[in-house]
């Protein structure tokens, strides 16, 4: 069986922090060239947005049956990467604890999954998409008030 490498960049944004939230996901690989920007509902912290971006990326890969592919996920959130890789303990009081549990459950489905921290400068496309999502969230909320 041919193993396909899929590279995923994820990022979350909160404007201000906490505030309007968005996620950005870039998925690239053989037959993959996805750019996803989503707005998040409610008041969102930066850490929650970062973890939610990871969950959405894992759901997208799961929905497309990528369980046996070589998946490399890159995030500029040291905290989220540390938590999901078991390097940094998570105590349950973080506002993204449920998303953390969802991410861990989804991660178990993949046979070759690696999540790596990268500097923000190497995550520019996902960062831009996340920022767009947060801006859309603020406009939507402001439009609803009118």
Protein backbone atom coordinates (compact mmCIF):
# COMPACT_ATOMS: atom_id res chain seq x y z
CA UNK A 1 0.00 0.00 0.00
CA UNK A 2 1.27 3.46 -0.92
CA UNK A 3 1.60 5.77 2.07
CA UNK A 4 0.84 9.38 1.27
CA UNK A 5 2.39 12.22 3.27
CA UNK A 6 -0.10 14.86 4.32
CA UNK A 7 1.16 18.09 5.90
CA UNK A 8 -1.23 20.10 8.03
CA UNK A 9 -0.72 23.56 9.54
CA UNK A 10 -3.20 24.67 12.20
CA UNK A 11 -3.66 27.94 14.04
CA UNK A 12 -6.21 29.62 16.24
CA UNK A 13 -6.88 33.29 16.89
CA UNK A 14 -8.75 35.29 19.50
CA UNK A 15 -9.29 39.03 18.99
CA UNK A 16 -8.92 40.30 21.73
CA UNK A 17 -7.82 37.41 23.93
CA UNK A 18 -10.32 36.24 25.06
CA UNK A 19 -12.66 37.49 22.38
CA UNK A 20 -13.84 36.69 18.88
CA UNK A 21 -12.32 33.43 17.70
CA UNK A 22 -11.27 31.83 14.46
CA UNK A 23 -9.29 28.85 13.23
CA UNK A 24 -7.12 28.37 10.18
CA UNK A 25 -6.15 25.04 8.66
CA UNK A 26 -3.90 24.33 5.68
CA UNK A 27 -3.81 20.73 4.42
CA UNK A 28 -1.35 19.81 1.67
CA UNK A 29 -0.38 16.54 0.10
CA UNK A 30 -1.09 14.26 -2.82
CA UNK A 31 -4.59 15.38 -3.98
CA UNK A 32 -4.81 17.76 -1.00
CA UNK A 33 -4.75 21.52 -1.17
CA UNK A 34 -7.25 22.73 1.40
CA UNK A 35 -7.45 26.14 3.01
CA UNK A 36 -10.02 26.32 5.80
CA UNK A 37 -11.02 29.41 7.76
CA UNK A 38 -13.76 29.10 10.38
CA UNK A 39 -15.31 31.51 12.83
CA UNK A 40 -15.93 30.30 16.37
CA UNK A 41 -19.00 31.12 18.42
CA UNK A 42 -18.87 32.68 21.85
CA UNK A 43 -15.99 34.27 23.72
CA UNK A 44 -12.87 32.29 22.88
CA UNK A 45 -9.39 32.24 24.40
CA UNK A 46 -6.33 31.89 22.20
CA UNK A 47 -5.57 28.45 23.68
CA UNK A 48 -9.12 27.25 23.01
CA UNK A 49 -8.92 28.48 19.40
CA UNK A 50 -5.55 26.72 18.94
CA UNK A 51 -6.88 23.42 20.25
CA UNK A 52 -10.14 23.76 18.29
CA UNK A 53 -8.10 24.19 15.09
CA UNK A 54 -6.35 20.89 15.82
CA UNK A 55 -9.67 19.15 16.45
CA UNK A 56 -11.17 20.48 13.20
CA UNK A 57 -8.09 19.37 11.24
CA UNK A 58 -8.24 15.87 12.74
CA UNK A 59 -11.96 15.67 11.98
CA UNK A 60 -11.32 16.69 8.35
CA UNK A 61 -8.64 14.02 7.99
CA UNK A 62 -10.88 11.45 9.67
CA UNK A 63 -13.84 12.31 7.45
CA UNK A 64 -11.62 11.69 4.44
CA UNK A 65 -10.35 8.31 5.69
CA UNK A 66 -6.69 9.29 6.09
CA UNK A 67 -6.04 6.83 8.90
CA UNK A 68 -3.10 5.04 7.26
CA UNK A 69 -1.42 8.11 5.77
CA UNK A 70 1.69 9.74 7.18
CA UNK A 71 0.20 12.82 8.84
CA UNK A 72 2.44 15.67 9.99
CA UNK A 73 0.64 18.43 11.87
CA UNK A 74 2.36 21.71 12.67
CA UNK A 75 1.16 24.25 15.24
CA UNK A 76 2.69 27.38 16.74
CA UNK A 77 1.03 26.72 20.11
CA UNK A 78 3.68 25.28 22.42
CA UNK A 79 1.05 24.71 25.10
CA UNK A 80 -1.38 22.69 22.94
CA UNK A 81 1.43 20.69 21.28
CA UNK A 82 2.94 19.99 24.70
CA UNK A 83 -0.39 18.84 26.08
CA UNK A 84 -1.42 16.52 23.23
CA UNK A 85 2.08 15.02 23.05
CA UNK A 86 2.06 14.36 26.80
CA UNK A 87 5.07 16.59 27.42
CA UNK A 88 3.22 19.19 29.50
CA UNK A 89 0.58 18.05 32.01
CA UNK A 90 -2.97 19.28 31.61
CA UNK A 91 -4.97 19.60 34.79
CA UNK A 92 -8.52 19.91 33.53
CA UNK A 93 -9.05 23.53 34.46
CA UNK A 94 -7.95 24.86 31.07
CA UNK A 95 -10.86 26.25 29.07
CA UNK A 96 -10.03 23.89 26.22
CA UNK A 97 -9.94 20.67 28.24
CA UNK A 98 -12.90 19.11 26.36
CA UNK A 99 -11.28 19.97 23.03
CA UNK A 100 -8.03 18.46 24.31
CA UNK A 101 -9.87 15.22 25.11
CA UNK A 102 -11.53 15.26 21.67
CA UNK A 103 -8.15 15.79 19.99
CA UNK A 104 -6.57 12.90 21.91
CA UNK A 105 -9.46 10.61 21.00
CA UNK A 106 -9.21 11.55 17.32
CA UNK A 107 -5.42 11.16 17.31
CA UNK A 108 -5.74 7.51 18.31
CA UNK A 109 -7.41 6.75 14.95
CA UNK A 110 -4.28 7.49 12.92
CA UNK A 111 -1.43 5.03 12.51
CA UNK A 112 1.32 7.55 11.63
CA UNK A 113 0.56 10.94 13.18
CA UNK A 114 3.14 13.42 14.46
CA UNK A 115 2.30 16.84 15.91
CA UNK A 116 5.17 19.32 16.03
CA UNK A 117 5.61 22.84 17.34
CA UNK A 118 6.87 25.41 14.86
CA UNK A 119 7.57 29.14 15.23
CA UNK A 120 4.74 31.48 14.22
CA UNK A 121 6.81 32.69 11.26
CA UNK A 122 6.55 29.20 9.74
CA UNK A 123 2.78 29.11 10.19
CA UNK A 124 1.84 32.25 8.27
CA UNK A 125 -0.89 30.80 6.03
CA UNK A 126 -2.79 29.13 8.87
CA UNK A 127 -2.34 32.28 10.98
CA UNK A 128 -3.88 34.44 8.25
CA UNK A 129 -6.85 32.07 7.90
CA UNK A 130 -7.38 32.02 11.68
CA UNK A 131 -7.30 35.82 11.81
CA UNK A 132 -9.86 35.99 9.00
CA UNK A 133 -12.10 33.63 10.97
CA UNK A 134 -11.86 35.83 14.06
CA UNK A 135 -12.66 38.94 12.00
CA UNK A 136 -15.71 37.17 10.50
CA UNK A 137 -16.83 36.21 14.01
CA UNK A 138 -16.65 39.84 15.17
CA UNK A 139 -18.56 41.10 12.12
CA UNK A 140 -21.23 38.43 12.53
CA UNK A 141 -21.69 39.25 16.21
CA UNK A 142 -21.80 42.99 15.48
CA UNK A 143 -24.32 42.45 12.66
CA UNK A 144 -26.59 40.50 15.05
CA UNK A 145 -26.61 43.40 17.52
CA UNK A 146 -27.96 45.83 14.92
